Amino acid sequence: MDTILTPHSQSLRIDGMSCASCVGRVEKALKAVPGADQVSVNLATETARVESAVALDFGALKQAVEQAGYQLAQEEVTLTIAGMTCASCVGRVEKALRKAPGVIEASVNLATESARVKLAGGIDVGVLIAAIDAAGYQATRPAAK
C-alpha cells in the first residue's frame, strides 16, 4: 500500500454543523480544494483537519467551507511585539502576519508595541509568533491579568 506523505496539516474550527450530513458536506467541500490529500471532520469537536503534501491556500479552505454553507469560527489574539522603531517596521510585521495561514485581519500599533490579529479558530498562535520572529521582531502573548 502506498503511503501519502503529508507534511502540511491545518486544523479549522467550524461553526454551524449539527449532524452527520453537515460533516459530509464540509468534508466533500474541503476534499475538492486542489492539493487536499486527506480530510477529516469531527462533529463533536466542530473541527476539520486537512492534510496535504504542499501548503494549501487558507483562503481556498475558507471559501470551500463557506460555499458548503458553514463558517469558520474566529478568535482575536493580541500579541506584544518588541523591536519595532518606525512605520516601516509596522508594515513588515503586518505583512508577515497577513501571510500566515488562518489570519483574517491583522493590525499593528507602534505606540503600544502590539498586534491585534483576527484568525480562524483552531490556528496555533505559535504560527503567528514564528511569522513575526521570521520578519526580525520578537513576539509574545501578553501575560493574563
Protein backbone atom coordinates (compact mmCIF):
# COMPACT_ATOMS: atom_id res chain seq x y z
CA MET A 1 0.00 0.00 0.00
CA ASP A 2 1.37 3.42 -0.96
CA THR A 3 1.74 5.99 1.77
CA ILE A 4 0.99 9.63 1.04
CA LEU A 5 3.44 11.94 2.76
CA THR A 6 1.52 14.81 4.30
CA PRO A 7 3.92 17.31 5.82
CA HIS A 8 1.31 20.09 5.93
CA SER A 9 -1.69 19.95 8.22
CA GLN A 10 -4.27 22.57 9.10
CA SER A 11 -6.94 22.37 11.78
CA LEU A 12 -10.01 24.55 11.45
CA ARG A 13 -12.90 25.14 13.85
CA ILE A 14 -16.21 25.20 12.01
CA ASP A 15 -19.44 26.79 13.24
CA GLY A 16 -22.91 25.59 12.31
CA MET A 17 -22.54 21.83 11.91
CA SER A 18 -25.33 19.90 13.63
CA CYS A 19 -25.47 16.43 12.05
CA ALA A 20 -23.63 13.77 10.06
CA SER A 21 -24.95 15.28 6.83
CA CYS A 22 -23.26 18.58 7.74
CA VAL A 23 -20.00 16.73 8.29
CA GLY A 24 -20.34 15.12 4.87
CA ARG A 25 -20.93 18.46 3.14
CA VAL A 26 -17.92 20.09 4.80
CA GLU A 27 -15.72 17.06 4.10
CA LYS A 28 -16.74 17.00 0.43
CA ALA A 29 -16.11 20.73 0.05
CA LEU A 30 -12.65 20.56 1.63
CA LYS A 31 -11.66 17.48 -0.39
CA ALA A 32 -12.42 19.49 -3.54
CA VAL A 33 -9.71 22.04 -2.66
CA PRO A 34 -6.78 21.40 -5.02
CA GLY A 35 -3.94 19.72 -3.12
CA ALA A 36 -6.01 18.43 -0.19
CA ASP A 37 -4.90 14.81 0.31
CA GLN A 38 -6.78 13.81 3.45
CA VAL A 39 -9.72 15.48 5.16
CA SER A 40 -11.39 14.51 8.42
CA VAL A 41 -14.25 16.40 10.03
CA ASN A 42 -15.35 15.83 13.63
CA LEU A 43 -18.87 16.87 14.59
CA ALA A 44 -18.27 16.56 18.35
CA THR A 45 -15.31 18.94 18.37
CA GLU A 46 -16.57 21.03 15.43
CA THR A 47 -13.19 20.77 13.74
CA ALA A 48 -11.80 19.82 10.37
CA ARG A 49 -8.27 18.63 9.71
CA VAL A 50 -6.84 18.96 6.22
CA GLU A 51 -3.56 17.28 5.31
CA SER A 52 -1.61 17.92 2.14
CA ALA A 53 1.79 17.36 0.58
CA VAL A 54 2.06 21.09 -0.18
CA ALA A 55 0.97 24.16 1.75
CA LEU A 56 -2.66 24.97 0.93
CA ASP A 57 -4.06 28.44 0.44
CA PHE A 58 -6.05 29.27 3.57
CA GLY A 59 -8.41 31.43 1.51
CA ALA A 60 -9.35 28.40 -0.61
CA LEU A 61 -10.15 26.35 2.51
CA LYS A 62 -12.22 29.18 3.97
CA GLN A 63 -14.11 29.65 0.71
CA ALA A 64 -14.84 25.91 0.46
CA VAL A 65 -16.33 25.85 3.97
CA GLU A 66 -18.41 28.96 3.28
CA GLN A 67 -19.69 27.63 -0.05
CA ALA A 68 -20.82 24.50 1.78
CA GLY A 69 -22.94 26.78 3.99
CA TYR A 70 -20.82 26.99 7.14
CA GLN A 71 -18.47 29.48 8.78
CA LEU A 72 -15.02 29.17 10.25
CA ALA A 73 -15.00 30.04 13.92
CA GLN A 74 -12.93 33.15 14.60
CA GLU A 75 -10.93 34.38 17.53
CA GLU A 76 -8.95 37.51 18.25
CA VAL A 77 -5.44 37.41 19.66
CA THR A 78 -3.28 40.25 20.96
CA LEU A 79 0.49 39.89 20.77
CA THR A 80 3.22 42.07 22.25
CA ILE A 81 5.93 42.90 19.73
CA ALA A 82 9.43 44.10 20.57
CA GLY A 83 11.94 45.66 18.21
CA MET A 84 9.71 47.94 16.12
CA THR A 85 11.01 51.50 15.73
CA CYS A 86 9.08 53.04 12.81
CA ALA A 87 6.11 52.82 10.46
CA SER A 88 8.12 50.62 8.11
CA CYS A 89 8.52 48.08 10.92
CA VAL A 90 4.75 48.11 11.42
CA GLY A 91 4.27 47.41 7.72
CA ARG A 92 6.70 44.48 7.78
CA VAL A 93 5.01 42.90 10.81
CA GLU A 94 1.52 43.36 9.32
CA LYS A 95 2.68 41.84 6.03
CA ALA A 96 4.21 38.85 7.82
CA LEU A 97 1.04 38.28 9.84
CA ARG A 98 -1.26 38.56 6.82
CA LYS A 99 0.77 35.87 5.05
CA ALA A 100 0.41 33.44 7.98
CA PRO A 101 -2.17 30.69 7.45
CA GLY A 102 -5.53 31.39 9.06
CA VAL A 103 -5.11 35.14 9.50
CA ILE A 104 -8.23 37.06 8.56
CA GLU A 105 -7.11 40.51 9.66
CA ALA A 106 -4.02 41.99 11.34
CA SER A 107 -3.46 45.43 12.82
CA VAL A 108 -0.17 46.53 14.39
CA ASN A 109 0.22 49.53 16.70
CA LEU A 110 3.71 51.02 17.06
CA ALA A 111 2.83 53.13 20.13
CA THR A 112 1.55 50.16 22.16
CA GLU A 113 4.02 47.70 20.60
CA SER A 114 1.20 45.27 19.95
CA ALA A 115 -0.70 43.46 17.22
CA ARG A 116 -4.37 42.53 17.18
CA VAL A 117 -4.96 39.56 14.95
CA LYS A 118 -8.28 38.07 13.92
CA LEU A 119 -7.79 34.47 12.91
CA ALA A 120 -9.69 31.31 12.17
CA GLY A 121 -10.33 29.28 15.29
CA GLY A 122 -8.06 26.30 15.67
CA ILE A 123 -4.99 28.05 14.28
CA ASP A 124 -1.96 27.76 16.57
CA VAL A 125 -0.79 31.15 17.85
CA GLY A 126 2.76 29.80 17.62
CA VAL A 127 2.44 30.16 13.83
CA LEU A 128 1.86 33.91 14.28
CA ILE A 129 4.78 34.28 16.67
CA ALA A 130 7.04 32.38 14.25
CA ALA A 131 5.96 34.64 11.36
CA ILE A 132 6.81 37.76 13.37
CA ASP A 133 10.12 36.27 14.51
CA ALA A 134 10.98 35.44 10.87
CA ALA A 135 10.32 39.10 9.99
CA GLY A 136 13.00 40.12 12.50
CA TYR A 137 10.94 41.06 15.57
CA GLN A 138 10.15 39.38 18.87
CA ALA A 139 6.54 38.48 19.64
CA THR A 140 4.96 37.14 22.81
CA ARG A 141 1.48 36.71 24.18
CA PRO A 142 0.76 39.18 26.97
CA ALA A 143 0.50 37.66 30.42
CA ALA A 144 -3.05 37.04 31.64
CA LYS A 145 -4.25 39.69 34.06
